[in-house]
């Protein structure tokens, strides 16, 4: 086979969706992956035996001779072979760009350091409750290109910073960056590089939803429609919180929408998520009533501040998805503020080069003790020195038993690692499942 003008770089989940899309449209292309045995190799060879595959170190000649590279999110654009191709004039794109160019329905684009999956799922359920044929996916669940269907009324897409790096044609109907906290510092030169990638979501969007409590998440300048959300009292046209008859309400301007006591999802961070979802729906002109009924029914996602059980007066929560410091902060502050007792925090894992010092103040305020495990346990311990008691363990089972010893009746135990899981587990899901099993064995 001769030189291909299109090369799919990376053969994981999104790479395979690119293969299916290009093959379905009768296009000629090759595939390259830096790994000797990428996850989807066997499937590719079985279903598309005619496609040329190049595994192992990326070939500069192959990539530089192409016209366009579809680079998977897992590969940094700073990879030398990709940089060489860019320098020789090759266009770099990705699955989200291709999706946006072929989607016939409006796109809601949701990014942020934390809560993307929760808000994306919630918005999807709100739209479905309003009778719309909604397709939900992207970085969550089904890859974007696999969702394309002319019967869809609206696409609700979770987008990562890695996906946004290769996206130039998004033009979302509504775009939101929920929040910014330090993450993926092993991939970006500094926080500004990460923020710049996140803020690409706003490019050419028709309406923006912004978090007025988080300046780093807001666009530098815009001349388009903006709806804000935040935990303060909202002005006209904004979403926020209002107090009425000793109860806290979700509110739109002066209008009281729903007491937060009627939400199944707990914590101030989830109140912000609910307000963000309502703002997105309002920007899409979705009626309020079905959105509020969907919100009341929404019980949250697995591994995201998920309540597990009560044992001897102690509540147990699984937030294994808190794979960065910002997510752990949101969980500690969200649960701590609404909790009469103290928290026992279980944390540690692969810190991805993050700075843990911002955990100091909330841990000192809300936690009774911290149980640490994983590769960067000592780095977390050093950052928390002088706050509360810390205990080191080697397994998750030990962490659960130690936390059960430390917690007192009225307390909550929270798994919010502030770290990735890959030093000890296959995924954050596996970590959360093993935690839930260990909690289930407590007497």
Protein backbone atom coordinates (compact mmCIF):
# COMPACT_ATOMS: atom_id res chain seq x y z
CA UNK A 1 0.00 0.00 0.00
CA UNK A 2 1.33 3.45 -0.87
CA UNK A 3 1.67 6.48 1.37
CA UNK A 4 -1.61 7.47 3.01
CA UNK A 5 -2.66 11.11 3.15
CA UNK A 6 -4.55 10.42 6.42
CA UNK A 7 -3.05 8.71 9.47
CA UNK A 8 -4.88 7.83 12.68
CA UNK A 9 -2.30 8.16 15.47
CA UNK A 10 -3.22 6.12 18.55
CA UNK A 11 -5.28 2.94 18.56
CA UNK A 12 -7.31 3.15 21.75
CA UNK A 13 -11.03 3.80 22.13
CA UNK A 14 -11.15 7.10 20.23
CA UNK A 15 -8.63 5.90 17.63
CA UNK A 16 -10.85 2.91 16.87
CA UNK A 17 -13.88 5.21 16.51
CA UNK A 18 -11.87 7.20 13.92
CA UNK A 19 -11.07 3.97 12.07
CA UNK A 20 -14.77 3.04 11.96
CA UNK A 21 -15.77 6.52 10.77
CA UNK A 22 -13.15 6.79 8.01
CA UNK A 23 -13.82 3.23 6.81
CA UNK A 24 -17.59 3.85 6.78
CA UNK A 25 -17.00 6.88 4.56
CA UNK A 26 -14.83 4.88 2.16
CA UNK A 27 -11.68 6.84 2.96
CA UNK A 28 -8.16 5.54 2.67
CA UNK A 29 -5.93 5.84 5.74
CA UNK A 30 -3.20 4.21 7.80
CA UNK A 31 -2.90 3.72 11.57
CA UNK A 32 0.13 4.29 13.80
CA UNK A 33 0.65 3.66 17.52
CA UNK A 34 3.76 4.08 19.66
CA UNK A 35 2.92 0.87 21.54
CA UNK A 36 3.88 -2.57 20.21
CA UNK A 37 0.48 -4.01 21.11
CA UNK A 38 -2.15 -1.24 21.40
CA UNK A 39 -5.54 -2.08 23.00
CA UNK A 40 -7.58 -2.25 19.77
CA UNK A 41 -4.98 -3.92 17.51
CA UNK A 42 -6.65 -7.35 17.39
CA UNK A 43 -10.04 -5.84 16.59
CA UNK A 44 -8.58 -3.63 13.86
CA UNK A 45 -6.79 -6.54 12.19
CA UNK A 46 -9.93 -8.68 12.37
CA UNK A 47 -12.46 -6.08 11.16
CA UNK A 48 -10.28 -4.00 8.84
CA UNK A 49 -7.49 -6.30 7.58
CA UNK A 50 -6.84 -3.99 4.61
CA UNK A 51 -5.73 -1.07 6.83
CA UNK A 52 -1.97 -0.65 7.21
CA UNK A 53 -0.90 -0.55 10.87
CA UNK A 54 2.48 0.70 12.14
CA UNK A 55 3.17 -0.26 15.78
CA UNK A 56 6.19 0.64 17.86
CA UNK A 57 8.06 3.94 17.83
CA UNK A 58 6.28 6.48 15.61
CA UNK A 59 7.77 6.91 12.16
CA UNK A 60 8.66 10.54 11.40
CA UNK A 61 8.64 9.70 7.67
CA UNK A 62 5.14 8.19 7.82
CA UNK A 63 3.63 11.07 9.79
CA UNK A 64 5.44 13.86 7.94
CA UNK A 65 4.35 12.55 4.53
CA UNK A 66 0.64 12.67 5.46
CA UNK A 67 -1.71 15.57 4.82
CA UNK A 68 -3.65 15.14 8.05
CA UNK A 69 -3.04 13.34 11.33
CA UNK A 70 -5.95 12.39 13.57
CA UNK A 71 -4.18 12.29 16.91
CA UNK A 72 -5.79 10.44 19.84
CA UNK A 73 -6.15 12.32 23.15
CA UNK A 74 -3.74 9.97 24.91
CA UNK A 75 -0.81 11.20 22.79
CA UNK A 76 0.75 14.56 23.59
CA UNK A 77 1.19 16.88 20.62
CA UNK A 78 4.71 17.50 21.98
CA UNK A 79 5.68 13.94 20.92
CA UNK A 80 8.77 14.49 18.69
CA UNK A 81 7.40 12.62 15.63
CA UNK A 82 4.16 14.64 15.79
CA UNK A 83 6.12 17.88 16.20
CA UNK A 84 8.23 16.97 13.18
CA UNK A 85 5.07 16.38 11.12
CA UNK A 86 3.60 19.73 12.25
CA UNK A 87 6.88 21.47 11.32
CA UNK A 88 6.65 20.00 7.82
CA UNK A 89 3.14 21.42 7.35
CA UNK A 90 0.95 18.44 8.24
CA UNK A 91 -2.49 19.35 9.67
CA UNK A 92 -3.29 17.90 13.10
CA UNK A 93 -6.90 17.11 13.99
CA UNK A 94 -8.84 14.72 16.23
CA UNK A 95 -12.09 12.85 16.63
CA UNK A 96 -13.97 15.82 18.14
CA UNK A 97 -13.11 18.05 15.17
CA UNK A 98 -14.32 15.43 12.72
CA UNK A 99 -17.47 14.90 14.81
CA UNK A 100 -18.23 18.63 14.90
CA UNK A 101 -17.91 18.93 11.13
CA UNK A 102 -20.45 16.13 10.58
CA UNK A 103 -22.94 16.73 13.43
CA UNK A 104 -26.30 18.02 12.12
CA UNK A 105 -27.69 18.88 15.59
CA UNK A 106 -26.46 21.49 18.08
CA UNK A 107 -23.58 20.54 20.39
CA UNK A 108 -23.38 21.28 24.11
CA UNK A 109 -19.67 21.13 25.00
CA UNK A 110 -18.73 20.58 28.65
CA UNK A 111 -15.17 20.69 30.01
CA UNK A 112 -13.51 21.49 33.33
CA UNK A 113 -11.04 19.90 35.73
CA UNK A 114 -13.78 18.27 37.80
CA UNK A 115 -17.46 17.25 37.59
CA UNK A 116 -17.53 16.97 33.78
CA UNK A 117 -19.09 13.51 33.84
CA UNK A 118 -21.64 14.40 36.50
CA UNK A 119 -22.82 17.54 34.70
CA UNK A 120 -22.76 15.90 31.26
CA UNK A 121 -24.89 12.97 32.49
CA UNK A 122 -27.26 15.28 34.38
CA UNK A 123 -27.76 17.58 31.37
CA UNK A 124 -28.45 14.52 29.21
CA UNK A 125 -31.12 13.33 31.64
CA UNK A 126 -32.66 16.82 31.81
CA UNK A 127 -32.89 17.02 28.01
CA UNK A 128 -34.37 13.52 27.80
CA UNK A 129 -36.96 14.50 30.44
CA UNK A 130 -37.89 17.44 28.20
CA UNK A 131 -38.61 15.03 25.33
CA UNK A 132 -35.45 15.62 23.29
CA UNK A 133 -33.62 12.82 21.48
CA UNK A 134 -30.26 13.41 23.17
CA UNK A 135 -26.91 11.72 22.52
CA UNK A 136 -24.37 11.84 25.37
CA UNK A 137 -20.70 10.94 25.12
CA UNK A 138 -17.25 12.11 24.08
CA UNK A 139 -14.69 11.70 26.85
CA UNK A 140 -17.44 9.90 28.79
CA UNK A 141 -18.96 6.64 27.55
CA UNK A 142 -19.48 6.45 23.79
CA UNK A 143 -16.84 8.10 21.55
CA UNK A 144 -18.18 11.16 19.70
CA UNK A 145 -17.99 9.75 16.17
CA UNK A 146 -20.01 6.69 17.16
CA UNK A 147 -22.89 8.98 18.24
CA UNK A 148 -23.46 10.63 14.86
CA UNK A 149 -27.08 10.12 13.82
CA UNK A 150 -29.40 12.41 11.87
CA UNK A 151 -32.29 11.68 14.28
CA UNK A 152 -30.47 13.28 17.24
CA UNK A 153 -31.90 16.60 18.51
CA UNK A 154 -28.89 17.63 20.60
CA UNK A 155 -25.44 16.28 21.46
CA UNK A 156 -24.16 16.66 25.03
CA UNK A 157 -20.41 16.13 24.98
CA UNK A 158 -17.87 15.80 27.77
CA UNK A 159 -14.52 17.05 26.44
CA UNK A 160 -11.07 16.72 28.01
CA UNK A 161 -8.22 19.19 27.62
CA UNK A 162 -6.43 16.56 25.52
CA UNK A 163 -9.39 16.35 23.11
CA UNK A 164 -9.66 20.13 22.90
CA UNK A 165 -5.98 20.47 21.92
CA UNK A 166 -6.79 19.03 18.49
CA UNK A 167 -10.18 20.73 18.10
CA UNK A 168 -10.53 23.83 15.90
CA UNK A 169 -14.06 23.49 14.42
CA UNK A 170 -16.22 22.85 17.49
CA UNK A 171 -18.58 25.86 17.26
CA UNK A 172 -20.71 24.62 20.14
CA UNK A 173 -24.25 25.94 20.60
CA UNK A 174 -23.44 26.13 24.35
CA UNK A 175 -19.94 25.81 25.84
CA UNK A 176 -18.94 25.59 29.50
CA UNK A 177 -15.70 25.23 31.44
CA UNK A 178 -17.00 24.19 34.86
CA UNK A 179 -13.85 24.89 36.88
CA UNK A 180 -10.06 24.85 36.75
CA UNK A 181 -7.67 23.20 39.18
CA UNK A 182 -4.18 21.86 38.64
CA UNK A 183 -4.24 18.57 36.73
CA UNK A 184 -2.14 16.72 34.15
CA UNK A 185 0.97 18.71 35.09
CA UNK A 186 2.89 15.72 33.77
CA UNK A 187 1.62 16.67 30.30
CA UNK A 188 1.57 20.49 30.34
CA UNK A 189 4.55 22.81 30.80
CA UNK A 190 2.58 24.89 33.31
CA UNK A 191 -0.94 25.65 34.50
CA UNK A 192 -1.40 28.30 31.80
CA UNK A 193 -0.92 25.70 29.08
CA UNK A 194 -3.60 23.52 30.66
CA UNK A 195 -5.99 26.48 31.02
CA UNK A 196 -5.42 27.48 27.38
CA UNK A 197 -6.36 23.96 26.24
CA UNK A 198 -9.54 24.00 28.36
CA UNK A 199 -10.56 27.43 27.09
CA UNK A 200 -10.53 26.26 23.47
CA UNK A 201 -14.06 25.00 24.25
CA UNK A 202 -15.28 28.61 23.99
CA UNK A 203 -13.96 29.20 20.45
CA UNK A 204 -16.82 30.25 18.14
CA UNK A 205 -19.49 29.07 20.61
CA UNK A 206 -22.93 30.68 20.33
CA UNK A 207 -23.57 30.89 24.09
CA UNK A 208 -21.32 30.47 27.11
CA UNK A 209 -22.07 29.21 30.61
CA UNK A 210 -19.43 30.43 33.07
CA UNK A 211 -18.58 29.77 36.70
CA UNK A 212 -18.47 33.22 38.30
CA UNK A 213 -16.67 31.74 41.36
CA UNK A 214 -13.69 30.59 39.26
CA UNK A 215 -11.93 33.31 37.22
CA UNK A 216 -9.44 30.85 35.66
CA UNK A 217 -12.32 28.98 34.01
CA UNK A 218 -13.73 32.11 32.32
CA UNK A 219 -12.89 33.30 28.79
CA UNK A 220 -10.64 36.36 28.58
CA UNK A 221 -13.15 38.24 26.44
CA UNK A 222 -16.39 37.40 24.67
CA UNK A 223 -19.10 39.18 22.73
CA UNK A 224 -21.60 36.35 22.89
CA UNK A 225 -24.45 35.42 25.26
CA UNK A 226 -23.26 34.50 28.77
CA UNK A 227 -25.18 32.85 31.63
CA UNK A 228 -23.30 32.48 34.91
CA UNK A 229 -23.66 30.09 37.83
CA UNK A 230 -22.12 30.20 41.28
CA UNK A 231 -22.79 29.62 44.95
CA UNK A 232 -23.49 33.31 45.68
CA UNK A 233 -26.86 35.09 45.52
CA UNK A 234 -27.67 35.42 41.81
CA UNK A 235 -28.47 38.65 39.97
CA UNK A 236 -31.18 38.69 37.28
CA UNK A 237 -30.31 36.14 34.59
CA UNK A 238 -27.84 34.27 36.82
CA UNK A 239 -28.04 30.96 38.68
CA UNK A 240 -27.05 30.74 42.34
CA UNK A 241 -28.23 30.06 45.89
CA UNK A 242 -30.79 31.99 47.97
CA UNK A 243 -31.89 31.57 51.57
CA UNK A 244 -35.64 31.49 52.27
CA UNK A 245 -37.36 30.48 55.54
CA UNK A 246 -34.10 28.99 56.88
CA UNK A 247 -33.72 26.78 53.77
CA UNK A 248 -31.16 27.11 50.96
CA UNK A 249 -32.65 27.11 47.45
CA UNK A 250 -31.28 26.78 43.95
CA UNK A 251 -32.35 30.04 42.34
CA UNK A 252 -32.53 31.78 38.97
CA UNK A 253 -32.33 35.50 39.66
CA UNK A 254 -35.11 36.17 42.19
CA UNK A 255 -36.92 32.91 41.40
CA UNK A 256 -36.62 30.08 43.93
CA UNK A 257 -36.33 26.79 41.99
CA UNK A 258 -35.73 23.92 44.43
CA UNK A 259 -34.56 23.49 48.05
CA UNK A 260 -31.10 21.88 48.08
CA UNK A 261 -32.49 19.46 50.69
CA UNK A 262 -34.45 17.83 47.82
CA UNK A 263 -31.26 16.94 45.92
CA UNK A 264 -30.00 13.35 46.15
CA UNK A 265 -26.48 14.56 45.34
CA UNK A 266 -24.84 16.05 48.45
CA UNK A 267 -22.34 18.81 49.06
CA UNK A 268 -21.80 22.36 47.86
CA UNK A 269 -19.82 21.12 44.83
CA UNK A 270 -22.91 19.21 43.70
CA UNK A 271 -25.07 22.28 44.21
CA UNK A 272 -22.71 24.04 41.78
CA UNK A 273 -23.06 21.11 39.36
CA UNK A 274 -26.87 21.35 39.54
CA UNK A 275 -26.75 25.10 38.88
CA UNK A 276 -24.38 24.59 35.93
CA UNK A 277 -26.71 22.01 34.38
CA UNK A 278 -29.73 24.30 34.80
CA UNK A 279 -27.79 27.17 33.21
CA UNK A 280 -26.84 24.97 30.24
CA UNK A 281 -30.46 23.89 29.76
CA UNK A 282 -31.66 27.49 29.98
CA UNK A 283 -29.11 28.53 27.34
CA UNK A 284 -30.64 25.80 25.13
CA UNK A 285 -34.20 27.05 25.87
CA UNK A 286 -35.19 23.81 27.61
CA UNK A 287 -38.24 24.28 29.92
CA UNK A 288 -37.44 24.47 33.63
CA UNK A 289 -40.05 21.97 34.94
CA UNK A 290 -38.66 18.78 33.31
CA UNK A 291 -35.11 19.87 34.20
CA UNK A 292 -36.04 20.21 37.88
CA UNK A 293 -37.79 16.83 37.94
CA UNK A 294 -34.71 15.18 36.37
CA UNK A 295 -32.49 16.96 38.89
CA UNK A 296 -34.53 15.68 41.86
CA UNK A 297 -34.30 12.12 40.51
CA UNK A 298 -30.54 12.28 39.81
CA UNK A 299 -28.58 10.14 42.28
CA UNK A 300 -25.12 10.91 40.92
CA UNK A 301 -22.52 8.68 39.28
CA UNK A 302 -20.53 5.76 40.64
CA UNK A 303 -17.17 6.69 42.20
CA UNK A 304 -18.12 10.38 42.39
CA UNK A 305 -18.91 11.27 46.02
CA UNK A 306 -21.11 8.16 46.00
CA UNK A 307 -22.69 7.25 49.34
CA UNK A 308 -22.05 3.57 50.11
CA UNK A 309 -23.44 2.73 53.57
CA UNK A 310 -23.60 3.64 57.25
CA UNK A 311 -21.62 1.45 59.67
CA UNK A 312 -21.84 2.11 63.45
CA UNK A 313 -22.92 5.70 62.88
CA UNK A 314 -20.22 6.41 60.26
CA UNK A 315 -21.13 7.32 56.66
CA UNK A 316 -18.86 5.94 53.91
CA UNK A 317 -18.35 7.78 50.59
CA UNK A 318 -16.55 6.64 47.43
CA UNK A 319 -15.02 9.47 45.40
CA UNK A 320 -12.38 7.41 43.60
CA UNK A 321 -12.88 9.72 40.59
CA UNK A 322 -11.16 12.48 42.61
CA UNK A 323 -7.95 11.87 40.67
CA UNK A 324 -6.59 15.39 41.18
CA UNK A 325 -6.24 17.86 44.03
CA UNK A 326 -9.14 20.07 42.90
CA UNK A 327 -11.58 17.16 42.89
CA UNK A 328 -10.47 16.07 46.35
CA UNK A 329 -10.84 19.67 47.60
CA UNK A 330 -14.39 19.84 46.22
CA UNK A 331 -15.32 16.58 47.97
CA UNK A 332 -13.70 17.49 51.31
CA UNK A 333 -15.26 20.97 51.39
CA UNK A 334 -18.59 19.80 49.96
CA UNK A 335 -19.07 16.98 52.47
CA UNK A 336 -17.29 18.68 55.34
CA UNK A 337 -19.42 21.83 55.27
CA UNK A 338 -22.68 19.87 55.57
CA UNK A 339 -21.48 17.36 58.14
CA UNK A 340 -21.84 17.67 61.93
CA UNK A 341 -18.99 15.19 62.48
CA UNK A 342 -15.47 15.11 61.07
CA UNK A 343 -14.08 13.40 57.97
CA UNK A 344 -11.53 10.61 57.83
CA UNK A 345 -9.90 11.02 54.43
CA UNK A 346 -8.30 8.19 52.44
CA UNK A 347 -5.87 9.61 49.86
CA UNK A 348 -2.75 8.89 47.80
CA UNK A 349 -1.71 7.24 44.55
CA UNK A 350 0.01 8.65 41.48
CA UNK A 351 0.09 12.43 42.02
CA UNK A 352 0.93 13.28 38.38
CA UNK A 353 3.38 15.94 39.54
CA UNK A 354 0.71 17.95 41.41
CA UNK A 355 1.20 20.31 44.36
CA UNK A 356 -0.77 19.01 47.37
CA UNK A 357 -0.32 22.09 49.59
CA UNK A 358 -3.84 23.42 48.90
CA UNK A 359 -5.23 20.41 50.81
CA UNK A 360 -3.76 21.74 54.07
CA UNK A 361 -6.46 24.24 55.09
CA UNK A 362 -9.58 22.11 54.34
CA UNK A 363 -7.99 19.01 55.90
CA UNK A 364 -7.20 21.04 59.03
CA UNK A 365 -10.76 22.37 59.10
CA UNK A 366 -12.81 19.28 58.29
CA UNK A 367 -10.73 16.14 58.87
CA UNK A 368 -10.08 14.06 61.98
CA UNK A 369 -7.34 12.01 60.30
CA UNK A 370 -5.91 11.08 56.90
CA UNK A 371 -5.05 7.53 55.80
CA UNK A 372 -2.45 7.45 53.01
CA UNK A 373 -1.37 4.83 50.51
CA UNK A 374 0.21 4.55 47.07
CA UNK A 375 3.29 5.92 45.33
CA UNK A 376 2.95 9.54 46.44
CA UNK A 377 1.63 8.90 49.97
CA UNK A 378 4.70 10.53 51.54
CA UNK A 379 4.40 13.62 49.32
CA UNK A 380 0.79 14.06 50.47
CA UNK A 381 1.88 13.49 54.09
CA UNK A 382 4.60 16.14 53.75
CA UNK A 383 2.06 18.64 52.39
CA UNK A 384 -0.28 17.93 55.33
CA UNK A 385 2.41 18.08 58.03
CA UNK A 386 1.11 19.77 61.17
CA UNK A 387 -2.58 19.53 60.23
CA UNK A 388 -4.08 16.27 61.50
CA UNK A 389 -2.96 12.73 62.29
CA UNK A 390 -1.78 10.80 59.20
CA UNK A 391 -1.47 7.02 58.95
CA UNK A 392 0.33 5.07 56.20
CA UNK A 393 -0.99 1.73 54.89
CA UNK A 394 -0.02 -0.48 51.95
CA UNK A 395 -3.39 -1.73 50.68
CA UNK A 396 -6.90 -0.37 50.21
CA UNK A 397 -8.27 -3.07 52.51
CA UNK A 398 -5.89 -1.84 55.25
CA UNK A 399 -6.97 1.74 54.55
CA UNK A 400 -10.63 0.85 55.13
CA UNK A 401 -9.88 -0.99 58.39
CA UNK A 402 -7.65 1.85 59.65
CA UNK A 403 -10.28 4.49 58.71
CA UNK A 404 -12.96 2.48 60.54
CA UNK A 405 -10.77 2.52 63.68
CA UNK A 406 -10.18 6.28 63.44
CA UNK A 407 -13.75 7.39 62.67
CA UNK A 408 -16.19 8.21 65.45
CA UNK A 409 -19.99 8.00 65.34
CA UNK A 410 -21.31 10.96 63.33
CA UNK A 411 -18.17 11.09 61.15
CA UNK A 412 -17.83 10.28 57.46
CA UNK A 413 -15.05 8.33 55.76
CA UNK A 414 -14.22 9.72 52.33
CA UNK A 415 -12.09 8.05 49.65
CA UNK A 416 -10.91 11.12 47.68
CA UNK A 417 -7.37 10.19 46.63
CA UNK A 418 -6.30 13.50 44.96
CA UNK A 419 -4.23 11.16 42.78
CA UNK A 420 -4.54 8.89 39.78
CA UNK A 421 -4.93 5.17 40.47
CA UNK A 422 -2.53 3.60 37.98
CA UNK A 423 0.30 2.95 40.45
CA UNK A 424 -1.85 0.28 42.17
CA UNK A 425 -5.00 -0.30 40.10
CA UNK A 426 -6.15 -0.67 36.49
CA UNK A 427 -8.39 2.40 36.76
CA UNK A 428 -10.17 4.70 39.19
CA UNK A 429 -13.23 2.48 38.67
CA UNK A 430 -11.37 -0.61 39.91
CA UNK A 431 -10.08 1.37 42.91
CA UNK A 432 -13.63 2.51 43.74
CA UNK A 433 -15.10 -0.97 43.32
CA UNK A 434 -12.48 -2.56 45.59
CA UNK A 435 -13.09 0.19 48.15
CA UNK A 436 -16.86 -0.42 48.02
CA UNK A 437 -16.28 -4.17 48.47
CA UNK A 438 -14.03 -3.59 51.47
CA UNK A 439 -16.60 -1.22 53.03
CA UNK A 440 -19.29 -3.83 52.35
CA UNK A 441 -17.33 -6.34 54.47
CA UNK A 442 -17.25 -4.09 57.54
CA UNK A 443 -19.32 -5.34 60.48
